[in-house]
Amino acid sequence: MSEQPDHYFSAQPASAAERRRAVVELGGREVEVDVASGVFSPGGVDKGTRVLLREVPAPPASGDLLDLGCGWGPIALTMALASPGATVWAVDVNERALDLLRSTAARLGLGNVRAVRAEDVPDDVRFAAIWSNPPIRVGKAVLHDLLRTWLPRLAPEADAWLVVQKNLGSDSLARWIEAELGRGVERAASSRGFRVLRVG
């Protein structure tokens, strides 16, 4: 029987890390980031995340911000660079991804990044914004559980911004959020096969 391949949502990727540094543009500036195999989009910033980062408004200057399913950290790093007075919680199940983000944040002097597993976020934290390229490929049940857990932790008047590929169910996900969670969903942008959803 062959070994199961790693997925970016594996908690402990079994493959060799093949860690390296890449130069990417985040928040209008070039930064050097740590990437590796066994995490989502190890070659750089993926198309969906680029669409999200181009379309979202500036993050709140203070408070707690969340990158849900952070990977090696392009969204969390962008939030942290834009809002040095905020605390950016970067949550992922993949320990390798969290380690990559921690080392990049330390090298960039971003002491406001907390790269942690979900259970390490204090229960009383409420988020001034959530930005996410959610892990659609984990399947609907797991994805819905994630959103049921985190979207209710938005502070009053705060928004979540999600990017979802159109052919992977962005419109049905928007309908599910409205029906199941009772939150308004606006299609804020559509680009390159992706929808950006604003959840209020």
C-alpha atoms as a PDB file:
ATOM      1  CA  MET A   1       0.000   0.000   0.000  1.00  0.00           C
ATOM      2  CA  SER A   2       1.432   3.376  -0.993  1.00  0.00           C
ATOM      3  CA  GLU A   3       1.818   6.218   1.460  1.00  0.00           C
ATOM      4  CA  GLN A   4      -0.820   8.901   1.401  1.00  0.00           C
ATOM      5  CA  PRO A   5       0.504  12.154  -0.090  1.00  0.00           C
ATOM      6  CA  ASP A   6       0.760  15.236   2.066  1.00  0.00           C
ATOM      7  CA  HIS A   7      -1.986  17.818   1.848  1.00  0.00           C
ATOM      8  CA  TYR A   8      -1.567  21.441   2.851  1.00  0.00           C
ATOM      9  CA  PHE A   9      -4.092  20.665   5.587  1.00  0.00           C
ATOM     10  CA  SER A  10      -1.917  17.884   7.052  1.00  0.00           C
ATOM     11  CA  ALA A  11      -1.014  18.789  10.624  1.00  0.00           C
ATOM     12  CA  GLN A  12       2.462  17.273  10.356  1.00  0.00           C
ATOM     13  CA  PRO A  13       3.564  16.989   6.698  1.00  0.00           C
ATOM     14  CA  ALA A  14       5.697  13.873   6.265  1.00  0.00           C
ATOM     15  CA  SER A  15       7.572  15.100   3.199  1.00  0.00           C
ATOM     16  CA  ALA A  16      10.963  16.771   3.442  1.00  0.00           C
ATOM     17  CA  ALA A  17      10.521  20.467   4.051  1.00  0.00           C
ATOM     18  CA  GLU A  18      12.671  21.724   1.145  1.00  0.00           C
ATOM     19  CA  ARG A  19      12.622  25.078   2.880  1.00  0.00           C
ATOM     20  CA  ARG A  20      13.679  28.125   0.902  1.00  0.00           C
ATOM     21  CA  ARG A  21      13.204  31.866   0.714  1.00  0.00           C
ATOM     22  CA  ALA A  22      11.191  33.703  -1.896  1.00  0.00           C
ATOM     23  CA  VAL A  23      10.754  37.388  -2.675  1.00  0.00           C
ATOM     24  CA  VAL A  24       7.092  38.383  -3.006  1.00  0.00           C
ATOM     25  CA  GLU A  25       5.142  41.635  -3.060  1.00  0.00           C
ATOM     26  CA  LEU A  26       2.922  42.180  -0.044  1.00  0.00           C
ATOM     27  CA  GLY A  27       1.247  45.420   0.886  1.00  0.00           C
ATOM     28  CA  GLY A  28       2.959  47.272  -1.941  1.00  0.00           C
ATOM     29  CA  ARG A  29       6.479  46.288  -0.978  1.00  0.00           C
ATOM     30  CA  GLU A  30       8.843  43.434  -1.719  1.00  0.00           C
ATOM     31  CA  VAL A  31       9.569  41.153   1.205  1.00  0.00           C
ATOM     32  CA  GLU A  32      11.550  37.954   1.621  1.00  0.00           C
ATOM     33  CA  VAL A  33       9.454  35.100   2.987  1.00  0.00           C
ATOM     34  CA  ASP A  34      10.097  31.511   4.057  1.00  0.00           C
ATOM     35  CA  VAL A  35       8.267  28.836   2.053  1.00  0.00           C
ATOM     36  CA  ALA A  36       8.502  25.040   1.852  1.00  0.00           C
ATOM     37  CA  SER A  37       6.865  21.975   0.379  1.00  0.00           C
ATOM     38  CA  GLY A  38       3.941  20.447   2.253  1.00  0.00           C
ATOM     39  CA  VAL A  39       2.174  23.801   2.661  1.00  0.00           C
ATOM     40  CA  PHE A  40      -0.375  25.607   0.507  1.00  0.00           C
ATOM     41  CA  SER A  41       1.102  27.442  -2.507  1.00  0.00           C
ATOM     42  CA  PRO A  42       4.801  26.835  -1.762  1.00  0.00           C
ATOM     43  CA  GLY A  43       5.843  28.674  -4.928  1.00  0.00           C
ATOM     44  CA  GLY A  44       4.643  32.104  -3.787  1.00  0.00           C
ATOM     45  CA  VAL A  45       1.369  34.010  -3.499  1.00  0.00           C
ATOM     46  CA  ASP A  46      -1.454  32.047  -5.154  1.00  0.00           C
ATOM     47  CA  LYS A  47      -3.976  33.625  -7.529  1.00  0.00           C
ATOM     48  CA  GLY A  48      -6.874  33.628  -5.092  1.00  0.00           C
ATOM     49  CA  THR A  49      -4.895  35.327  -2.339  1.00  0.00           C
ATOM     50  CA  ARG A  50      -3.650  37.933  -4.831  1.00  0.00           C
ATOM     51  CA  VAL A  51      -7.260  38.684  -5.795  1.00  0.00           C
ATOM     52  CA  LEU A  52      -8.270  39.000  -2.127  1.00  0.00           C
ATOM     53  CA  LEU A  53      -5.367  41.293  -1.231  1.00  0.00           C
ATOM     54  CA  ARG A  54      -6.096  43.512  -4.228  1.00  0.00           C
ATOM     55  CA  GLU A  55      -9.791  43.901  -3.368  1.00  0.00           C
ATOM     56  CA  VAL A  56     -10.008  44.202   0.428  1.00  0.00           C
ATOM     57  CA  PRO A  57     -10.006  47.602   2.123  1.00  0.00           C
ATOM     58  CA  ALA A  58      -7.169  48.432   4.499  1.00  0.00           C
ATOM     59  CA  PRO A  59      -7.408  46.407   7.714  1.00  0.00           C
ATOM     60  CA  PRO A  60      -8.359  48.149  10.971  1.00  0.00           C
ATOM     61  CA  ALA A  61      -5.389  49.932  12.542  1.00  0.00           C
ATOM     62  CA  SER A  62      -5.913  48.310  15.939  1.00  0.00           C
ATOM     63  CA  GLY A  63      -7.655  45.414  17.617  1.00  0.00           C
ATOM     64  CA  ASP A  64      -7.429  41.699  16.838  1.00  0.00           C
ATOM     65  CA  LEU A  65      -7.320  40.570  13.201  1.00  0.00           C
ATOM     66  CA  LEU A  66      -7.606  36.981  11.947  1.00  0.00           C
ATOM     67  CA  ASP A  67      -6.118  35.161   8.976  1.00  0.00           C
ATOM     68  CA  LEU A  68      -7.981  31.841   8.934  1.00  0.00           C
ATOM     69  CA  GLY A  69      -5.984  29.082   7.218  1.00  0.00           C
ATOM     70  CA  CYS A  70      -2.863  31.217   7.013  1.00  0.00           C
ATOM     71  CA  GLY A  71      -0.435  28.854   5.237  1.00  0.00           C
ATOM     72  CA  TRP A  72       3.033  30.409   5.104  1.00  0.00           C
ATOM     73  CA  GLY A  73       1.400  33.766   5.743  1.00  0.00           C
ATOM     74  CA  PRO A  74       0.840  36.173   2.833  1.00  0.00           C
ATOM     75  CA  ILE A  75      -2.461  37.451   4.249  1.00  0.00           C
ATOM     76  CA  ALA A  76      -1.282  37.672   7.866  1.00  0.00           C
ATOM     77  CA  LEU A  77       1.942  39.410   6.834  1.00  0.00           C
ATOM     78  CA  THR A  78       0.016  41.926   4.721  1.00  0.00           C
ATOM     79  CA  MET A  79      -2.281  42.721   7.647  1.00  0.00           C
ATOM     80  CA  ALA A  80       0.659  43.035  10.039  1.00  0.00           C
ATOM     81  CA  LEU A  81       2.598  45.339   7.700  1.00  0.00           C
ATOM     82  CA  ALA A  82      -0.462  47.552   7.172  1.00  0.00           C
ATOM     83  CA  SER A  83      -1.563  47.652  10.820  1.00  0.00           C
ATOM     84  CA  PRO A  84       1.428  47.526  13.176  1.00  0.00           C
ATOM     85  CA  GLY A  85      -0.852  48.569  16.045  1.00  0.00           C
ATOM     86  CA  ALA A  86      -3.092  45.511  15.628  1.00  0.00           C
ATOM     87  CA  THR A  87      -2.577  41.929  16.774  1.00  0.00           C
ATOM     88  CA  VAL A  88      -2.743  39.514  13.839  1.00  0.00           C
ATOM     89  CA  TRP A  89      -3.800  35.982  14.709  1.00  0.00           C
ATOM     90  CA  ALA A  90      -2.710  33.555  11.984  1.00  0.00           C
ATOM     91  CA  VAL A  91      -4.407  30.189  12.418  1.00  0.00           C
ATOM     92  CA  ASP A  92      -3.596  26.939  10.620  1.00  0.00           C
ATOM     93  CA  VAL A  93      -3.575  23.214  11.324  1.00  0.00           C
ATOM     94  CA  ASN A  94      -0.265  22.770   9.454  1.00  0.00           C
ATOM     95  CA  GLU A  95       2.654  23.074  11.899  1.00  0.00           C
ATOM     96  CA  ARG A  96       5.170  23.559   9.095  1.00  0.00           C
ATOM     97  CA  ALA A  97       3.204  26.520   7.757  1.00  0.00           C
ATOM     98  CA  LEU A  98       3.040  28.103  11.224  1.00  0.00           C
ATOM     99  CA  ASP A  99       6.788  27.664  11.679  1.00  0.00           C
ATOM    100  CA  LEU A 100       7.477  29.309   8.305  1.00  0.00           C
ATOM    101  CA  LEU A 101       5.279  32.266   9.200  1.00  0.00           C
ATOM    102  CA  ARG A 102       6.874  32.674  12.627  1.00  0.00           C
ATOM    103  CA  SER A 103      10.361  32.820  11.126  1.00  0.00           C
ATOM    104  CA  THR A 104       9.341  35.283   8.396  1.00  0.00           C
ATOM    105  CA  ALA A 105       7.542  37.549  10.874  1.00  0.00           C
ATOM    106  CA  ALA A 106      10.577  37.530  13.192  1.00  0.00           C
ATOM    107  CA  ARG A 107      12.935  38.406  10.349  1.00  0.00           C
ATOM    108  CA  LEU A 108      10.656  41.276   9.227  1.00  0.00           C
ATOM    109  CA  GLY A 109      10.346  42.580  12.798  1.00  0.00           C
ATOM    110  CA  LEU A 110       6.593  41.946  12.902  1.00  0.00           C
ATOM    111  CA  GLY A 111       6.089  41.303  16.590  1.00  0.00           C
ATOM    112  CA  ASN A 112       2.320  41.691  16.174  1.00  0.00           C
ATOM    113  CA  VAL A 113       1.895  38.304  14.434  1.00  0.00           C
ATOM    114  CA  ARG A 114       0.669  35.317  16.462  1.00  0.00           C
ATOM    115  CA  ALA A 115       0.990  32.176  14.321  1.00  0.00           C
ATOM    116  CA  VAL A 116      -0.920  29.542  16.294  1.00  0.00           C
ATOM    117  CA  ARG A 117      -3.226  26.555  16.185  1.00  0.00           C
ATOM    118  CA  ALA A 118      -6.928  27.271  16.646  1.00  0.00           C
ATOM    119  CA  GLU A 119      -7.007  26.140  20.280  1.00  0.00           C
ATOM    120  CA  ASP A 120      -4.310  28.687  21.179  1.00  0.00           C
ATOM    121  CA  VAL A 121      -6.531  31.687  20.406  1.00  0.00           C
ATOM    122  CA  PRO A 122      -8.131  32.838  23.677  1.00  0.00           C
ATOM    123  CA  ASP A 123     -11.894  32.275  23.703  1.00  0.00           C
ATOM    124  CA  ASP A 124     -12.675  35.888  24.551  1.00  0.00           C
ATOM    125  CA  VAL A 125     -10.887  37.391  21.521  1.00  0.00           C
ATOM    126  CA  ARG A 126     -13.250  39.135  19.089  1.00  0.00           C
ATOM    127  CA  PHE A 127     -11.965  40.115  15.681  1.00  0.00           C
ATOM    128  CA  ALA A 128     -12.059  43.555  14.086  1.00  0.00           C
ATOM    129  CA  ALA A 129     -11.609  41.825  10.712  1.00  0.00           C
ATOM    130  CA  ILE A 130     -11.215  38.325   9.322  1.00  0.00           C
ATOM    131  CA  TRP A 131      -9.434  37.795   6.004  1.00  0.00           C
ATOM    132  CA  SER A 132      -9.236  34.308   4.556  1.00  0.00           C
ATOM    133  CA  ASN A 133      -8.537  32.195   1.527  1.00  0.00           C
ATOM    134  CA  PRO A 134     -10.363  29.316   3.214  1.00  0.00           C
ATOM    135  CA  PRO A 135      -9.273  25.699   2.687  1.00  0.00           C
ATOM    136  CA  ILE A 136     -12.092  24.681   0.349  1.00  0.00           C
ATOM    137  CA  ARG A 137     -10.525  21.300  -0.455  1.00  0.00           C
ATOM    138  CA  VAL A 138     -10.942  20.028   3.118  1.00  0.00           C
ATOM    139  CA  GLY A 139     -14.577  19.353   2.169  1.00  0.00           C
ATOM    140  CA  LYS A 140     -17.851  21.052   2.988  1.00  0.00           C
ATOM    141  CA  ALA A 141     -18.343  19.562   6.450  1.00  0.00           C
ATOM    142  CA  VAL A 142     -14.945  20.695   7.755  1.00  0.00           C
ATOM    143  CA  LEU A 143     -15.200  24.072   6.004  1.00  0.00           C
ATOM    144  CA  HIS A 144     -18.662  24.713   7.446  1.00  0.00           C
ATOM    145  CA  ASP A 145     -17.408  23.808  10.936  1.00  0.00           C
ATOM    146  CA  LEU A 146     -14.547  26.301  10.529  1.00  0.00           C
ATOM    147  CA  LEU A 147     -16.884  29.093   9.518  1.00  0.00           C
ATOM    148  CA  ARG A 148     -19.381  28.226  12.269  1.00  0.00           C
ATOM    149  CA  THR A 149     -16.523  28.516  14.765  1.00  0.00           C
ATOM    150  CA  TRP A 150     -14.877  31.726  13.582  1.00  0.00           C
ATOM    151  CA  LEU A 151     -17.436  33.988  11.883  1.00  0.00           C
ATOM    152  CA  PRO A 152     -19.462  34.417  15.111  1.00  0.00           C
ATOM    153  CA  ARG A 153     -16.281  35.795  16.700  1.00  0.00           C
ATOM    154  CA  LEU A 154     -16.404  38.934  14.561  1.00  0.00           C
ATOM    155  CA  ALA A 155     -16.800  42.070  16.661  1.00  0.00           C
ATOM    156  CA  PRO A 156     -19.992  44.087  16.117  1.00  0.00           C
ATOM    157  CA  GLU A 157     -19.831  46.003  12.829  1.00  0.00           C
ATOM    158  CA  ALA A 158     -16.760  44.023  11.708  1.00  0.00           C
ATOM    159  CA  ASP A 159     -16.512  42.177   8.395  1.00  0.00           C
ATOM    160  CA  ALA A 160     -14.950  38.980   7.137  1.00  0.00           C
ATOM    161  CA  TRP A 161     -13.487  38.907   3.636  1.00  0.00           C
ATOM    162  CA  LEU A 162     -13.268  35.496   1.952  1.00  0.00           C
ATOM    163  CA  VAL A 163     -11.925  34.587  -1.476  1.00  0.00           C
ATOM    164  CA  VAL A 164     -13.375  31.463  -3.066  1.00  0.00           C
ATOM    165  CA  GLN A 165     -12.960  30.038  -6.550  1.00  0.00           C
ATOM    166  CA  LYS A 166     -16.193  30.349  -8.495  1.00  0.00           C
ATOM    167  CA  ASN A 167     -16.089  26.754  -9.759  1.00  0.00           C
ATOM    168  CA  LEU A 168     -15.411  25.447  -6.230  1.00  0.00           C
ATOM    169  CA  GLY A 169     -18.704  26.724  -4.898  1.00  0.00           C
ATOM    170  CA  SER A 170     -18.361  30.406  -3.969  1.00  0.00           C
ATOM    171  CA  ASP A 171     -22.026  31.156  -4.678  1.00  0.00           C
ATOM    172  CA  SER A 172     -23.352  28.128  -2.778  1.00  0.00           C
ATOM    173  CA  LEU A 173     -21.056  28.977   0.145  1.00  0.00           C
ATOM    174  CA  ALA A 174     -22.451  32.516   0.226  1.00  0.00           C
ATOM    175  CA  ARG A 175     -25.997  31.119   0.335  1.00  0.00           C
ATOM    176  CA  TRP A 176     -25.025  28.697   3.132  1.00  0.00           C
ATOM    177  CA  ILE A 177     -23.508  31.511   5.247  1.00  0.00           C
ATOM    178  CA  GLU A 178     -26.681  33.576   4.876  1.00  0.00           C
ATOM    179  CA  ALA A 179     -29.022  30.661   5.618  1.00  0.00           C
ATOM    180  CA  GLU A 180     -27.079  28.887   8.362  1.00  0.00           C
ATOM    181  CA  LEU A 181     -25.266  31.735  10.102  1.00  0.00           C
ATOM    182  CA  GLY A 182     -27.743  34.542   9.455  1.00  0.00           C
ATOM    183  CA  ARG A 183     -25.098  36.895   8.124  1.00  0.00           C
ATOM    184  CA  GLY A 184     -25.325  39.167   5.135  1.00  0.00           C
ATOM    185  CA  VAL A 185     -22.994  38.266   2.274  1.00  0.00           C
ATOM    186  CA  GLU A 186     -22.053  40.651  -0.515  1.00  0.00           C
ATOM    187  CA  ARG A 187     -20.149  39.647  -3.620  1.00  0.00           C
ATOM    188  CA  ALA A 188     -17.596  42.439  -3.345  1.00  0.00           C
ATOM    189  CA  ALA A 189     -15.517  41.512  -6.402  1.00  0.00           C
ATOM    190  CA  SER A 190     -15.125  38.879  -9.074  1.00  0.00           C
ATOM    191  CA  SER A 191     -11.791  38.386 -10.823  1.00  0.00           C
ATOM    192  CA  ARG A 192      -9.888  35.604 -12.601  1.00  0.00           C
ATOM    193  CA  GLY A 193     -12.434  32.967 -11.630  1.00  0.00           C
ATOM    194  CA  PHE A 194     -12.548  33.998  -7.969  1.00  0.00           C
ATOM    195  CA  ARG A 195     -15.236  35.707  -5.906  1.00  0.00           C
ATOM    196  CA  VAL A 196     -14.421  37.975  -2.985  1.00  0.00           C
ATOM    197  CA  LEU A 197     -17.213  37.743  -0.427  1.00  0.00           C
ATOM    198  CA  ARG A 198     -17.791  40.331   2.286  1.00  0.00           C
ATOM    199  CA  VAL A 199     -19.536  38.788   5.260  1.00  0.00           C
ATOM    200  CA  GLY A 200     -21.097  41.280   7.668  1.00  0.00           C
END
